[in-house]
Amino acid sequence: MYYVDDKEYKCSVSVTMDIFNDRWKLAVIWYLLESNKRYKELNRDISEISQKTLTIKLKELEEKNIIKREVFAEVPLKVVYSLTPIGMKLKPVLKEMFEWGIEYVKENGKIID
């Protein structure tokens, strides 16, 4: 058995699926693998996401200790998001998913440049 935040899981895959239950969280992590980013940068990088949804997903990832939110006391206020050490461990997983996606498209679709 696995226990996280007073929740019981029978399988570690269930823990992972519970955290990454939608496509937006993985997109946020993907772009934070490049570098630390401010909110506007993430919103620009993930152009299909609404501001409300991005705000919700950032809070959820912060609650799960996947990302870190750092506030700098400046005018205007500066907030920077980065991956935590456990968040950085997702890099090889996402890289494999990226490469698998390309192979899938090659076999079942087409790539248009």
N, C-alpha and C. Protein backbone atom coordinates (compact mmCIF):
# COMPACT_ATOMS: atom_id res chain seq x y z
N MET A 1 0.83 -1.19 0.00
CA MET A 1 0.00 0.00 0.00
C MET A 1 0.88 1.25 0.00
N TYR A 2 0.32 2.29 -0.58
CA TYR A 2 1.00 3.57 -0.64
C TYR A 2 0.06 4.62 -0.04
N TYR A 3 0.62 5.53 0.74
CA TYR A 3 -0.18 6.59 1.37
C TYR A 3 0.44 7.94 1.05
N VAL A 4 -0.38 8.84 0.50
CA VAL A 4 0.04 10.21 0.21
C VAL A 4 -1.13 11.13 0.55
N ASP A 5 -0.86 12.14 1.37
CA ASP A 5 -1.88 13.12 1.74
C ASP A 5 -3.16 12.45 2.24
N ASP A 6 -3.00 11.50 3.15
CA ASP A 6 -4.13 10.78 3.75
C ASP A 6 -4.97 10.01 2.73
N LYS A 7 -4.36 9.68 1.61
CA LYS A 7 -5.04 8.91 0.58
C LYS A 7 -4.29 7.60 0.38
N GLU A 8 -5.05 6.54 0.23
CA GLU A 8 -4.45 5.20 0.10
C GLU A 8 -4.49 4.76 -1.35
N TYR A 9 -3.36 4.21 -1.80
CA TYR A 9 -3.24 3.68 -3.16
C TYR A 9 -2.73 2.25 -3.10
N LYS A 10 -3.25 1.41 -3.98
CA LYS A 10 -2.79 0.02 -4.03
C LYS A 10 -1.59 -0.15 -4.96
N CYS A 11 -1.38 0.83 -5.83
CA CYS A 11 -0.33 0.72 -6.85
C CYS A 11 0.32 2.09 -7.03
N SER A 12 1.63 2.11 -7.24
CA SER A 12 2.33 3.38 -7.44
C SER A 12 1.90 4.07 -8.73
N VAL A 13 1.44 3.30 -9.71
CA VAL A 13 0.93 3.91 -10.95
C VAL A 13 -0.32 4.74 -10.64
N SER A 14 -1.11 4.31 -9.69
CA SER A 14 -2.30 5.07 -9.28
C SER A 14 -1.91 6.42 -8.69
N VAL A 15 -0.81 6.45 -7.95
CA VAL A 15 -0.32 7.71 -7.40
C VAL A 15 0.01 8.66 -8.55
N THR A 16 0.74 8.16 -9.53
CA THR A 16 1.15 8.97 -10.68
C THR A 16 -0.07 9.46 -11.46
N MET A 17 -1.02 8.57 -11.70
CA MET A 17 -2.22 8.95 -12.45
C MET A 17 -3.05 9.98 -11.69
N ASP A 18 -3.06 9.91 -10.38
CA ASP A 18 -3.80 10.86 -9.57
C ASP A 18 -3.17 12.26 -9.66
N ILE A 19 -1.86 12.33 -9.71
CA ILE A 19 -1.18 13.61 -9.81
C ILE A 19 -1.32 14.20 -11.21
N PHE A 20 -1.09 13.37 -12.23
CA PHE A 20 -1.09 13.85 -13.62
C PHE A 20 -2.38 13.42 -14.31
N ASN A 21 -3.49 13.94 -13.80
CA ASN A 21 -4.80 13.52 -14.27
C ASN A 21 -5.30 14.33 -15.46
N ASP A 22 -4.45 15.18 -16.03
CA ASP A 22 -4.85 15.93 -17.21
C ASP A 22 -3.62 16.34 -18.01
N ARG A 23 -3.84 16.82 -19.21
CA ARG A 23 -2.72 17.15 -20.09
C ARG A 23 -1.99 18.42 -19.71
N TRP A 24 -2.64 19.33 -19.01
CA TRP A 24 -2.02 20.62 -18.74
C TRP A 24 -0.86 20.52 -17.77
N LYS A 25 -0.95 19.68 -16.79
CA LYS A 25 0.14 19.56 -15.81
C LYS A 25 1.42 19.09 -16.49
N LEU A 26 1.29 18.12 -17.38
CA LEU A 26 2.48 17.64 -18.09
C LEU A 26 3.05 18.72 -18.99
N ALA A 27 2.20 19.54 -19.59
CA ALA A 27 2.66 20.64 -20.44
C ALA A 27 3.44 21.65 -19.60
N VAL A 28 2.93 22.00 -18.43
CA VAL A 28 3.62 22.93 -17.55
C VAL A 28 5.00 22.40 -17.21
N ILE A 29 5.07 21.14 -16.83
CA ILE A 29 6.35 20.54 -16.46
C ILE A 29 7.29 20.52 -17.66
N TRP A 30 6.77 20.18 -18.83
CA TRP A 30 7.59 20.13 -20.05
C TRP A 30 8.30 21.46 -20.29
N TYR A 31 7.56 22.55 -20.16
CA TYR A 31 8.16 23.87 -20.41
C TYR A 31 9.07 24.32 -19.28
N LEU A 32 8.81 23.87 -18.06
CA LEU A 32 9.71 24.21 -16.95
C LEU A 32 11.01 23.41 -17.01
N LEU A 33 11.03 22.33 -17.78
CA LEU A 33 12.28 21.59 -17.97
C LEU A 33 13.30 22.44 -18.73
N GLU A 34 12.82 23.34 -19.60
CA GLU A 34 13.70 24.23 -20.36
C GLU A 34 14.41 25.20 -19.43
N SER A 35 13.62 25.84 -18.56
CA SER A 35 14.15 26.84 -17.64
C SER A 35 13.06 27.29 -16.68
N ASN A 36 13.46 28.00 -15.64
CA ASN A 36 12.49 28.61 -14.74
C ASN A 36 11.72 29.65 -15.53
N LYS A 37 10.44 29.81 -15.22
CA LYS A 37 9.61 30.72 -16.01
C LYS A 37 8.68 31.53 -15.13
N ARG A 38 8.33 32.69 -15.65
CA ARG A 38 7.31 33.51 -15.04
C ARG A 38 5.96 33.09 -15.60
N TYR A 39 4.90 33.54 -14.95
CA TYR A 39 3.54 33.16 -15.34
C TYR A 39 3.27 33.49 -16.81
N LYS A 40 3.61 34.70 -17.23
CA LYS A 40 3.33 35.12 -18.61
C LYS A 40 4.08 34.26 -19.62
N GLU A 41 5.29 33.85 -19.28
CA GLU A 41 6.06 32.99 -20.18
C GLU A 41 5.37 31.64 -20.35
N LEU A 42 4.91 31.07 -19.25
CA LEU A 42 4.20 29.79 -19.32
C LEU A 42 2.91 29.93 -20.11
N ASN A 43 2.20 31.02 -19.89
CA ASN A 43 0.95 31.25 -20.60
C ASN A 43 1.20 31.41 -22.10
N ARG A 44 2.31 32.03 -22.45
CA ARG A 44 2.68 32.18 -23.86
C ARG A 44 3.10 30.83 -24.46
N ASP A 45 3.90 30.07 -23.72
CA ASP A 45 4.37 28.77 -24.21
C ASP A 45 3.22 27.79 -24.42
N ILE A 46 2.27 27.78 -23.50
CA ILE A 46 1.12 26.87 -23.58
C ILE A 46 -0.06 27.72 -24.05
N SER A 47 -0.06 28.10 -25.29
CA SER A 47 -1.01 29.08 -25.80
C SER A 47 -2.47 28.61 -25.76
N GLU A 48 -2.70 27.31 -25.72
CA GLU A 48 -4.08 26.80 -25.73
C GLU A 48 -4.75 26.85 -24.36
N ILE A 49 -3.99 27.08 -23.31
CA ILE A 49 -4.53 27.04 -21.95
C ILE A 49 -5.07 28.41 -21.55
N SER A 50 -6.19 28.42 -20.83
CA SER A 50 -6.73 29.69 -20.34
C SER A 50 -5.93 30.11 -19.10
N GLN A 51 -5.98 31.39 -18.79
CA GLN A 51 -5.27 31.89 -17.61
C GLN A 51 -5.80 31.25 -16.33
N LYS A 52 -7.10 31.08 -16.26
CA LYS A 52 -7.71 30.47 -15.07
C LYS A 52 -7.21 29.04 -14.88
N THR A 53 -7.20 28.27 -15.97
CA THR A 53 -6.75 26.88 -15.89
C THR A 53 -5.27 26.81 -15.53
N LEU A 54 -4.46 27.68 -16.13
CA LEU A 54 -3.03 27.68 -15.81
C LEU A 54 -2.81 27.97 -14.33
N THR A 55 -3.53 28.93 -13.80
CA THR A 55 -3.42 29.28 -12.38
C THR A 55 -3.77 28.07 -11.51
N ILE A 56 -4.85 27.39 -11.85
CA ILE A 56 -5.27 26.21 -11.08
C ILE A 56 -4.22 25.12 -11.15
N LYS A 57 -3.69 24.84 -12.34
CA LYS A 57 -2.72 23.76 -12.51
C LYS A 57 -1.41 24.07 -11.80
N LEU A 58 -0.99 25.33 -11.83
CA LEU A 58 0.22 25.72 -11.10
C LEU A 58 0.05 25.50 -9.60
N LYS A 59 -1.11 25.86 -9.07
CA LYS A 59 -1.38 25.65 -7.64
C LYS A 59 -1.39 24.16 -7.29
N GLU A 60 -2.02 23.36 -8.15
CA GLU A 60 -2.07 21.92 -7.89
C GLU A 60 -0.68 21.30 -7.91
N LEU A 61 0.15 21.69 -8.87
CA LEU A 61 1.51 21.16 -8.95
C LEU A 61 2.36 21.64 -7.78
N GLU A 62 2.12 22.85 -7.32
CA GLU A 62 2.84 23.35 -6.15
C GLU A 62 2.43 22.58 -4.89
N GLU A 63 1.13 22.30 -4.75
CA GLU A 63 0.64 21.53 -3.61
C GLU A 63 1.24 20.12 -3.57
N LYS A 64 1.51 19.57 -4.74
CA LYS A 64 2.09 18.22 -4.83
C LYS A 64 3.62 18.24 -4.78
N ASN A 65 4.21 19.42 -4.58
CA ASN A 65 5.66 19.58 -4.50
C ASN A 65 6.39 19.20 -5.79
N ILE A 66 5.72 19.37 -6.91
CA ILE A 66 6.33 19.11 -8.21
C ILE A 66 7.01 20.38 -8.72
N ILE A 67 6.38 21.52 -8.44
CA ILE A 67 6.98 22.81 -8.81
C ILE A 67 7.11 23.69 -7.57
N LYS A 68 7.95 24.71 -7.71
CA LYS A 68 8.16 25.67 -6.63
C LYS A 68 7.79 27.05 -7.16
N ARG A 69 7.11 27.82 -6.36
CA ARG A 69 6.73 29.19 -6.68
C ARG A 69 7.55 30.11 -5.80
N GLU A 70 8.34 30.96 -6.44
CA GLU A 70 9.20 31.88 -5.69
C GLU A 70 8.75 33.31 -5.99
N VAL A 71 8.48 34.05 -4.93
CA VAL A 71 8.01 35.43 -5.05
C VAL A 71 9.16 36.36 -4.66
N PHE A 72 9.42 37.32 -5.55
CA PHE A 72 10.45 38.33 -5.30
C PHE A 72 9.76 39.65 -4.98
N ALA A 73 10.18 40.28 -3.89
CA ALA A 73 9.57 41.54 -3.45
C ALA A 73 10.09 42.68 -4.32
N GLU A 74 9.50 42.82 -5.47
CA GLU A 74 9.84 43.88 -6.41
C GLU A 74 8.56 44.57 -6.84
N VAL A 75 8.72 45.72 -7.48
CA VAL A 75 7.56 46.39 -8.07
C VAL A 75 7.82 46.47 -9.56
N PRO A 76 7.01 45.84 -10.40
CA PRO A 76 5.89 44.97 -10.03
C PRO A 76 6.38 43.65 -9.43
N LEU A 77 5.48 42.99 -8.72
CA LEU A 77 5.80 41.72 -8.08
C LEU A 77 6.31 40.72 -9.10
N LYS A 78 7.38 40.03 -8.77
CA LYS A 78 7.96 39.03 -9.67
C LYS A 78 7.77 37.65 -9.06
N VAL A 79 7.15 36.74 -9.84
CA VAL A 79 6.92 35.37 -9.41
C VAL A 79 7.55 34.46 -10.45
N VAL A 80 8.38 33.52 -9.98
CA VAL A 80 9.07 32.59 -10.87
C VAL A 80 8.73 31.16 -10.45
N TYR A 81 8.42 30.35 -11.45
CA TYR A 81 8.11 28.94 -11.21
C TYR A 81 9.29 28.08 -11.67
N SER A 82 9.59 27.06 -10.89
CA SER A 82 10.66 26.13 -11.24
C SER A 82 10.27 24.73 -10.77
N LEU A 83 10.99 23.75 -11.25
CA LEU A 83 10.74 22.38 -10.82
C LEU A 83 11.50 22.08 -9.54
N THR A 84 10.89 21.32 -8.68
CA THR A 84 11.56 20.84 -7.48
C THR A 84 12.46 19.67 -7.89
N PRO A 85 13.31 19.19 -7.00
CA PRO A 85 14.13 18.02 -7.36
C PRO A 85 13.30 16.81 -7.82
N ILE A 86 12.16 16.55 -7.15
CA ILE A 86 11.34 15.42 -7.58
C ILE A 86 10.68 15.72 -8.92
N GLY A 87 10.37 16.98 -9.18
CA GLY A 87 9.84 17.38 -10.48
C GLY A 87 10.85 17.18 -11.59
N MET A 88 12.12 17.47 -11.30
CA MET A 88 13.19 17.29 -12.30
C MET A 88 13.36 15.82 -12.70
N LYS A 89 12.98 14.91 -11.80
CA LYS A 89 13.10 13.49 -12.11
C LYS A 89 12.14 13.05 -13.20
N LEU A 90 11.21 13.92 -13.58
CA LEU A 90 10.28 13.61 -14.67
C LEU A 90 10.90 13.82 -16.04
N LYS A 91 12.08 14.43 -16.10
CA LYS A 91 12.71 14.74 -17.39
C LYS A 91 12.86 13.51 -18.29
N PRO A 92 13.44 12.41 -17.83
CA PRO A 92 13.57 11.26 -18.73
C PRO A 92 12.22 10.67 -19.14
N VAL A 93 11.25 10.74 -18.25
CA VAL A 93 9.91 10.22 -18.56
C VAL A 93 9.27 11.04 -19.68
N LEU A 94 9.31 12.36 -19.54
CA LEU A 94 8.72 13.23 -20.56
C LEU A 94 9.50 13.18 -21.87
N LYS A 95 10.81 13.03 -21.79
CA LYS A 95 11.61 12.90 -23.01
C LYS A 95 11.20 11.63 -23.77
N GLU A 96 11.00 10.54 -23.06
CA GLU A 96 10.54 9.30 -23.68
C GLU A 96 9.15 9.47 -24.29
N MET A 97 8.27 10.16 -23.58
CA MET A 97 6.92 10.41 -24.11
C MET A 97 6.99 11.27 -25.38
N PHE A 98 7.87 12.26 -25.39
CA PHE A 98 8.08 13.11 -26.55
C PHE A 98 8.52 12.26 -27.75
N GLU A 99 9.52 11.43 -27.53
CA GLU A 99 10.05 10.60 -28.61
C GLU A 99 9.02 9.56 -29.07
N TRP A 100 8.27 8.99 -28.13
CA TRP A 100 7.23 8.03 -28.48
C TRP A 100 6.16 8.71 -29.34
N GLY A 101 5.80 9.95 -28.98
CA GLY A 101 4.80 10.69 -29.74
C GLY A 101 5.23 10.90 -31.18
N ILE A 102 6.50 11.20 -31.40
CA ILE A 102 7.02 11.37 -32.76
C ILE A 102 6.92 10.05 -33.53
N GLU A 103 7.34 8.97 -32.91
CA GLU A 103 7.27 7.66 -33.57
C GLU A 103 5.82 7.27 -33.88
N TYR A 104 4.93 7.56 -32.98
CA TYR A 104 3.52 7.25 -33.20
C TYR A 104 2.99 8.01 -34.41
N VAL A 105 3.30 9.30 -34.48
CA VAL A 105 2.85 10.11 -35.61
C VAL A 105 3.44 9.58 -36.92
N LYS A 106 4.70 9.21 -36.90
CA LYS A 106 5.34 8.67 -38.11
C LYS A 106 4.62 7.41 -38.60
N GLU A 107 4.18 6.56 -37.68
CA GLU A 107 3.51 5.32 -38.06
C GLU A 107 2.04 5.49 -38.35
N ASN A 108 1.40 6.48 -37.74
CA ASN A 108 -0.05 6.58 -37.84
C ASN A 108 -0.58 7.92 -38.36
N GLY A 109 0.29 8.78 -38.76
CA GLY A 109 -0.13 10.10 -39.24
C GLY A 109 0.95 10.69 -40.11
N LYS A 110 1.14 11.99 -40.02
CA LYS A 110 2.21 12.63 -40.77
C LYS A 110 2.67 13.87 -40.03
N ILE A 111 3.93 14.21 -40.25
CA ILE A 111 4.53 15.39 -39.64
C ILE A 111 4.59 16.47 -40.70
N ILE A 112 4.04 17.62 -40.39
CA ILE A 112 4.04 18.76 -41.32
C ILE A 112 4.91 19.85 -40.72
N ASP A 113 5.93 20.24 -41.41
CA ASP A 113 6.83 21.31 -40.92
C ASP A 113 6.33 22.66 -41.27
